[in-house]
């Protein structure tokens, strides 16, 4: 076990989380159990400005945030006990957990640029989990396209003619916003669905972003498997089963979690992507597998720790903290 360290958690308001399902809360409980000090802040409080003189005569940039010391407890309605807020230099922290939810928009991307000023180890540095540059370079639905042999037939485009041709080829398709999350805006479009053109018109009237279109995989009806990886190593999986009449299995839209093991194909997928995850400092990753196909590599704010712990009695948050401490 590492000696006590200072951990800053960049997240959405702690007051509003579900303590029975939130993975960030599980990470905070484990850190506290190890004797680490916890601080929380929101990305909007980040401030970058010129800082201290360096030995070479230059000046480094200081990244500060308005943090609140906090102690957490698994008590419904009283799960966070806050201290007085203060503005601190994030370079004085040991670890920063970047855990705010997407959307992966320019505000999110700007946060990764700012955190790069402190990411690292040693004086004036803090280990950011996950590496902010790697997060920025790995949009979750695009990272998977670097592994075409692992994924179902997929198209990423703005071109409605290409989307129409893809639909004619595969008949039954799923359309996803490229930078969405939690299943929001995901549609299954069958061959005879008359809403196809209207759906494309609505999306492109509201967004300049392309769409991801994939062949619908019937295996999703029996579940969308979430596999948690720690430093590239799979530490467990849960199966997320869609509600009746629903094509999406995300928990946010009524998906039901159930126990799941790792198949030979799952192991092959994990082994194929592990080197890139380790090399790029992507310590906490959750991948989505439908049938034999990898559909997403989640690096921004993966979920599933508490469900995994409940189903198999494991301690995934502890395994993740072992990996984080090993990098310090």
Protein backbone atom coordinates (compact mmCIF):
# COMPACT_ATOMS: atom_id res chain seq x y z
CA UNK A 1 0.00 0.00 0.00
CA UNK A 2 1.29 3.46 -0.87
CA UNK A 3 1.75 6.07 1.84
CA UNK A 4 -1.03 8.61 2.20
CA UNK A 5 -1.46 10.67 -0.95
CA UNK A 6 -3.53 13.69 -1.93
CA UNK A 7 -6.27 12.89 -4.46
CA UNK A 8 -8.25 15.55 -6.33
CA UNK A 9 -11.39 14.36 -8.10
CA UNK A 10 -12.64 16.39 -11.06
CA UNK A 11 -16.29 15.41 -11.32
CA UNK A 12 -19.88 16.52 -11.62
CA UNK A 13 -21.42 17.67 -8.32
CA UNK A 14 -20.81 14.97 -5.70
CA UNK A 15 -24.07 15.85 -3.98
CA UNK A 16 -26.12 14.52 -6.90
CA UNK A 17 -24.60 11.08 -7.46
CA UNK A 18 -26.15 7.66 -6.81
CA UNK A 19 -24.05 6.10 -4.06
CA UNK A 20 -25.27 2.62 -5.02
CA UNK A 21 -24.12 2.82 -8.63
CA UNK A 22 -21.53 5.57 -9.10
CA UNK A 23 -18.04 4.29 -9.94
CA UNK A 24 -16.35 7.54 -8.87
CA UNK A 25 -17.88 7.12 -5.41
CA UNK A 26 -16.47 3.58 -5.26
CA UNK A 27 -13.03 4.91 -6.19
CA UNK A 28 -13.27 7.58 -3.50
CA UNK A 29 -14.31 5.09 -0.81
CA UNK A 30 -11.35 2.87 -1.66
CA UNK A 31 -8.92 5.80 -1.65
CA UNK A 32 -10.19 6.91 1.74
CA UNK A 33 -9.88 3.38 3.11
CA UNK A 34 -6.22 3.47 2.10
CA UNK A 35 -5.70 6.64 4.12
CA UNK A 36 -5.59 9.01 1.16
CA UNK A 37 -6.89 12.60 1.42
CA UNK A 38 -9.76 13.50 -0.90
CA UNK A 39 -10.63 16.80 -2.56
CA UNK A 40 -13.36 17.44 -5.13
CA UNK A 41 -13.80 20.19 -7.70
CA UNK A 42 -15.67 20.90 -10.91
CA UNK A 43 -13.91 21.54 -14.19
CA UNK A 44 -15.39 25.05 -14.41
CA UNK A 45 -13.21 26.15 -11.47
CA UNK A 46 -9.93 25.43 -13.26
CA UNK A 47 -7.67 28.47 -13.74
CA UNK A 48 -4.33 28.55 -15.57
CA UNK A 49 -1.91 31.42 -15.04
CA UNK A 50 1.77 32.25 -14.88
CA UNK A 51 3.37 30.84 -11.76
CA UNK A 52 6.65 30.40 -9.98
CA UNK A 53 10.17 31.15 -11.21
CA UNK A 54 12.10 28.08 -12.35
CA UNK A 55 15.83 27.39 -11.84
CA UNK A 56 16.47 28.00 -15.55
CA UNK A 57 15.01 31.50 -15.28
CA UNK A 58 11.68 30.63 -16.90
CA UNK A 59 8.29 30.50 -15.24
CA UNK A 60 5.95 27.54 -15.18
CA UNK A 61 2.20 27.78 -15.57
CA UNK A 62 0.14 27.15 -12.44
CA UNK A 63 -3.11 25.24 -12.76
CA UNK A 64 -5.38 25.88 -9.80
CA UNK A 65 -8.88 24.80 -8.84
CA UNK A 66 -11.41 25.66 -6.16
CA UNK A 67 -11.48 22.40 -4.20
CA UNK A 68 -13.39 21.14 -1.21
CA UNK A 69 -11.83 18.61 1.15
CA UNK A 70 -14.30 15.76 1.59
CA UNK A 71 -14.89 12.55 3.48
CA UNK A 72 -17.32 10.06 1.95
CA UNK A 73 -19.53 7.44 3.57
CA UNK A 74 -22.12 5.00 2.31
CA UNK A 75 -25.02 6.78 4.01
CA UNK A 76 -27.96 7.67 1.80
CA UNK A 77 -28.63 11.41 1.92
CA UNK A 78 -25.44 12.10 3.89
CA UNK A 79 -22.70 10.56 1.78
CA UNK A 80 -20.33 13.57 1.61
CA UNK A 81 -18.91 15.60 4.49
CA UNK A 82 -17.23 18.72 3.09
CA UNK A 83 -14.57 20.98 4.51
CA UNK A 84 -14.06 24.63 3.68
CA UNK A 85 -13.38 25.39 0.00
CA UNK A 86 -9.96 26.68 -0.99
CA UNK A 87 -8.09 27.41 -4.20
CA UNK A 88 -5.09 25.11 -4.54
CA UNK A 89 -2.32 24.44 -7.02
CA UNK A 90 -3.23 21.09 -8.59
CA UNK A 91 0.47 20.42 -9.06
CA UNK A 92 0.59 19.92 -5.28
CA UNK A 93 -1.73 16.92 -5.58
CA UNK A 94 -0.41 13.40 -6.14
CA UNK A 95 -3.32 12.06 -8.22
CA UNK A 96 -6.11 13.73 -10.16
CA UNK A 97 -9.06 11.57 -11.17
CA UNK A 98 -10.69 13.06 -14.27
CA UNK A 99 -14.22 11.74 -13.79
CA UNK A 100 -16.74 14.27 -15.09
CA UNK A 101 -19.26 12.80 -17.50
CA UNK A 102 -19.20 13.62 -21.21
CA UNK A 103 -20.42 15.00 -23.66
CA UNK A 104 -17.00 15.03 -25.21
CA UNK A 105 -17.27 18.60 -26.49
CA UNK A 106 -14.87 21.55 -26.67
CA UNK A 107 -15.34 22.26 -22.95
CA UNK A 108 -14.27 18.70 -22.16
CA UNK A 109 -11.35 18.93 -24.59
CA UNK A 110 -10.21 22.25 -23.07
CA UNK A 111 -10.14 20.59 -19.65
CA UNK A 112 -7.72 17.97 -20.98
CA UNK A 113 -5.44 20.69 -22.38
CA UNK A 114 -5.35 22.44 -19.01
CA UNK A 115 -4.64 19.23 -17.09
CA UNK A 116 -1.66 18.52 -19.33
CA UNK A 117 0.15 21.36 -17.53
CA UNK A 118 0.30 19.28 -14.35
CA UNK A 119 0.15 15.67 -15.60
CA UNK A 120 3.14 13.58 -14.61
CA UNK A 121 5.00 12.57 -11.48
CA UNK A 122 7.48 14.50 -9.34
CA UNK A 123 7.52 18.01 -7.87
CA UNK A 124 4.78 20.27 -9.25
CA UNK A 125 3.14 17.35 -11.05
CA UNK A 126 0.15 15.10 -10.44
CA UNK A 127 -0.70 11.79 -12.09
CA UNK A 128 -3.91 12.41 -14.04
CA UNK A 129 -6.07 9.30 -14.52
CA UNK A 130 -6.61 8.87 -17.36
CA UNK A 131 -3.76 10.65 -19.18
CA UNK A 132 -5.49 13.80 -20.51
CA UNK A 133 -3.67 13.78 -23.84
CA UNK A 134 -4.63 10.15 -24.44
CA UNK A 135 -8.24 10.87 -23.50
CA UNK A 136 -8.32 13.75 -25.96
CA UNK A 137 -6.76 11.61 -28.70
CA UNK A 138 -9.11 8.69 -28.06
CA UNK A 139 -12.76 9.64 -28.55
CA UNK A 140 -14.54 6.52 -27.42
CA UNK A 141 -16.39 5.67 -30.59
CA UNK A 142 -13.42 6.56 -32.81
CA UNK A 143 -10.69 4.75 -30.85
CA UNK A 144 -12.35 1.44 -31.65
CA UNK A 145 -12.05 2.11 -35.39
CA UNK A 146 -8.32 1.40 -35.10
CA UNK A 147 -9.27 -2.25 -34.54
CA UNK A 148 -11.47 -3.04 -37.58
CA UNK A 149 -10.96 -6.78 -37.16
CA UNK A 150 -12.65 -6.56 -33.74
CA UNK A 151 -15.67 -4.42 -34.59
CA UNK A 152 -18.94 -4.91 -36.50
CA UNK A 153 -19.44 -3.25 -39.92
CA UNK A 154 -19.21 0.47 -39.16
CA UNK A 155 -19.50 3.79 -40.95
CA UNK A 156 -18.53 7.25 -39.66
CA UNK A 157 -19.65 10.11 -41.90
CA UNK A 158 -21.61 13.29 -42.46
CA UNK A 159 -22.68 12.11 -45.93
CA UNK A 160 -26.35 11.07 -45.99
CA UNK A 161 -25.85 9.23 -49.28
CA UNK A 162 -23.18 7.04 -47.70
CA UNK A 163 -25.49 6.39 -44.76
CA UNK A 164 -28.27 5.41 -47.15
CA UNK A 165 -25.97 3.02 -49.00
CA UNK A 166 -24.84 1.46 -45.70
CA UNK A 167 -28.48 0.95 -44.74
CA UNK A 168 -29.27 -0.69 -48.09
CA UNK A 169 -26.34 -3.05 -47.57
CA UNK A 170 -27.02 -4.08 -43.96
CA UNK A 171 -30.83 -3.49 -43.73
CA UNK A 172 -30.96 -3.27 -39.91
CA UNK A 173 -28.67 -0.56 -38.47
CA UNK A 174 -27.93 1.48 -35.34
CA UNK A 175 -27.27 5.23 -35.56
CA UNK A 176 -25.26 6.91 -32.80
CA UNK A 177 -24.09 10.48 -32.14
CA UNK A 178 -20.32 10.24 -32.34
CA UNK A 179 -19.70 12.09 -29.08
CA UNK A 180 -22.81 11.20 -27.08
CA UNK A 181 -22.96 9.11 -23.92
CA UNK A 182 -25.33 7.03 -21.83
CA UNK A 183 -27.27 5.82 -24.86
CA UNK A 184 -28.65 9.29 -25.58
CA UNK A 185 -29.64 9.79 -29.23
CA UNK A 186 -29.03 6.15 -30.20
CA UNK A 187 -31.58 4.76 -32.67
CA UNK A 188 -32.17 1.37 -34.23
CA UNK A 189 -33.42 1.81 -37.80
CA UNK A 190 -34.86 -1.21 -39.58
CA UNK A 191 -35.05 -1.57 -43.35
CA UNK A 192 -38.69 -0.41 -43.53
CA UNK A 193 -38.47 2.42 -40.95
CA UNK A 194 -40.01 5.57 -42.51
CA UNK A 195 -38.29 7.85 -39.98
CA UNK A 196 -34.81 7.36 -41.42
CA UNK A 197 -34.54 10.58 -43.45
CA UNK A 198 -36.29 12.68 -40.81
CA UNK A 199 -33.88 11.42 -38.16
CA UNK A 200 -30.85 12.39 -40.24
CA UNK A 201 -32.34 15.80 -40.98
CA UNK A 202 -32.99 16.41 -37.28
CA UNK A 203 -29.46 15.42 -36.27
CA UNK A 204 -27.66 17.51 -38.87
CA UNK A 205 -29.92 20.51 -38.24
CA UNK A 206 -28.79 20.48 -34.60
CA UNK A 207 -25.17 19.32 -34.87
CA UNK A 208 -22.10 19.73 -37.04
CA UNK A 209 -20.74 16.39 -35.86
CA UNK A 210 -20.76 13.21 -37.96
CA UNK A 211 -22.68 10.09 -37.05
CA UNK A 212 -21.51 6.55 -36.36
CA UNK A 213 -23.63 3.89 -38.05
CA UNK A 214 -23.22 0.19 -37.30
CA UNK A 215 -24.84 -3.02 -38.42
CA UNK A 216 -27.39 -4.03 -35.79
CA UNK A 217 -26.19 -7.05 -33.84
CA UNK A 218 -29.10 -9.23 -32.63
CA UNK A 219 -26.87 -10.44 -29.77
CA UNK A 220 -27.56 -7.14 -28.00
CA UNK A 221 -30.97 -8.52 -27.02
CA UNK A 222 -29.19 -10.91 -24.65
CA UNK A 223 -26.83 -8.24 -23.40
CA UNK A 224 -24.08 -5.69 -23.99
CA UNK A 225 -21.06 -6.76 -21.97
CA UNK A 226 -19.05 -4.12 -20.09
CA UNK A 227 -15.50 -5.30 -19.35
CA UNK A 228 -13.39 -3.27 -16.91
CA UNK A 229 -9.66 -3.08 -17.59
CA UNK A 230 -7.00 -1.92 -15.15
CA UNK A 231 -3.79 -0.89 -16.90
CA UNK A 232 -4.80 -3.02 -19.88
CA UNK A 233 -5.70 -6.09 -17.80
CA UNK A 234 -9.33 -7.27 -17.62
CA UNK A 235 -10.51 -7.45 -14.01
CA UNK A 236 -14.14 -8.45 -14.56
CA UNK A 237 -17.31 -7.99 -16.58
CA UNK A 238 -21.01 -7.40 -16.23
CA UNK A 239 -23.72 -8.01 -18.80
CA UNK A 240 -26.18 -5.17 -19.38
CA UNK A 241 -29.50 -6.45 -20.68
CA UNK A 242 -31.86 -3.99 -22.43
CA UNK A 243 -35.36 -3.47 -21.09
CA UNK A 244 -38.27 -4.98 -23.00
CA UNK A 245 -38.87 -3.10 -26.24
CA UNK A 246 -35.54 -1.25 -25.98
CA UNK A 247 -32.47 -1.64 -28.22
CA UNK A 248 -30.15 0.20 -25.80
CA UNK A 249 -28.69 -1.56 -22.78
CA UNK A 250 -27.27 1.47 -20.95
CA UNK A 251 -28.17 1.66 -17.26
CA UNK A 252 -29.34 5.25 -17.79
CA UNK A 253 -32.19 4.00 -20.00
CA UNK A 254 -33.33 1.01 -17.96
CA UNK A 255 -30.71 -1.63 -18.75
CA UNK A 256 -30.39 -4.42 -16.18
CA UNK A 257 -27.00 -5.60 -14.97
CA UNK A 258 -26.27 -9.28 -14.51
CA UNK A 259 -23.22 -11.39 -13.77
CA UNK A 260 -20.97 -12.25 -16.71
CA UNK A 261 -17.72 -14.07 -17.33
CA UNK A 262 -15.05 -13.55 -19.97
CA UNK A 263 -15.18 -15.68 -23.11
CA UNK A 264 -12.18 -16.62 -25.24
CA UNK A 265 -13.20 -13.90 -27.69
CA UNK A 266 -13.39 -11.33 -24.87
CA UNK A 267 -9.86 -12.27 -23.84
CA UNK A 268 -8.66 -11.91 -27.44
CA UNK A 269 -10.18 -8.43 -27.64
CA UNK A 270 -8.57 -7.35 -24.37
CA UNK A 271 -5.17 -8.69 -25.39
CA UNK A 272 -5.36 -6.86 -28.73
CA UNK A 273 -6.00 -3.43 -27.20
CA UNK A 274 -3.97 -3.79 -23.97
CA UNK A 275 -0.61 -2.54 -25.31
CA UNK A 276 -2.11 0.72 -26.61
CA UNK A 277 -3.94 1.30 -23.32
CA UNK A 278 -0.80 0.76 -21.23
CA UNK A 279 1.47 2.77 -23.53
CA UNK A 280 -0.88 5.76 -23.42
CA UNK A 281 -1.59 5.89 -19.68
CA UNK A 282 -5.20 4.74 -20.00
CA UNK A 283 -5.38 3.05 -16.60
CA UNK A 284 -9.15 2.86 -16.04
CA UNK A 285 -11.01 1.70 -19.16
CA UNK A 286 -14.37 0.07 -19.79
CA UNK A 287 -14.99 -1.64 -23.13
CA UNK A 288 -18.35 -2.68 -24.59
CA UNK A 289 -18.68 -6.03 -26.35
CA UNK A 290 -21.82 -7.25 -28.14
CA UNK A 291 -21.59 -10.90 -29.14
CA UNK A 292 -18.14 -11.24 -30.70
CA UNK A 293 -17.70 -7.55 -31.48
CA UNK A 294 -16.02 -4.64 -29.73
CA UNK A 295 -18.27 -1.58 -30.07
CA UNK A 296 -16.74 1.07 -27.76
CA UNK A 297 -13.61 1.76 -25.70
CA UNK A 298 -14.66 4.06 -22.85
CA UNK A 299 -11.83 6.18 -21.43
CA UNK A 300 -13.49 9.38 -20.20
CA UNK A 301 -15.52 8.26 -17.19
CA UNK A 302 -16.07 4.48 -17.31
CA UNK A 303 -18.75 2.94 -15.11
CA UNK A 304 -19.60 -0.51 -13.75
CA UNK A 305 -17.40 -0.88 -10.66
CA UNK A 306 -20.18 -1.21 -8.10
CA UNK A 307 -22.20 -3.66 -10.20
CA UNK A 308 -19.09 -5.78 -10.75
CA UNK A 309 -18.31 -5.81 -7.01
CA UNK A 310 -21.88 -6.85 -6.15
CA UNK A 311 -22.02 -9.73 -8.62
CA UNK A 312 -18.71 -11.47 -8.01
CA UNK A 313 -17.55 -10.15 -4.65
CA UNK A 314 -14.40 -8.68 -6.19
CA UNK A 315 -12.82 -5.34 -5.37
CA UNK A 316 -12.32 -3.66 -8.75
CA UNK A 317 -11.74 -0.24 -7.19
CA UNK A 318 -8.90 -1.74 -5.13
CA UNK A 319 -7.32 -3.26 -8.24
CA UNK A 320 -7.50 0.10 -9.99
CA UNK A 321 -5.90 1.87 -7.03
CA UNK A 322 -3.14 -0.74 -6.97
CA UNK A 323 -2.42 0.17 -10.59
CA UNK A 324 -2.56 3.92 -9.94
CA UNK A 325 -0.24 3.69 -6.95
CA UNK A 326 2.13 1.57 -9.03
CA UNK A 327 2.55 4.50 -11.42
CA UNK A 328 3.49 7.03 -8.72
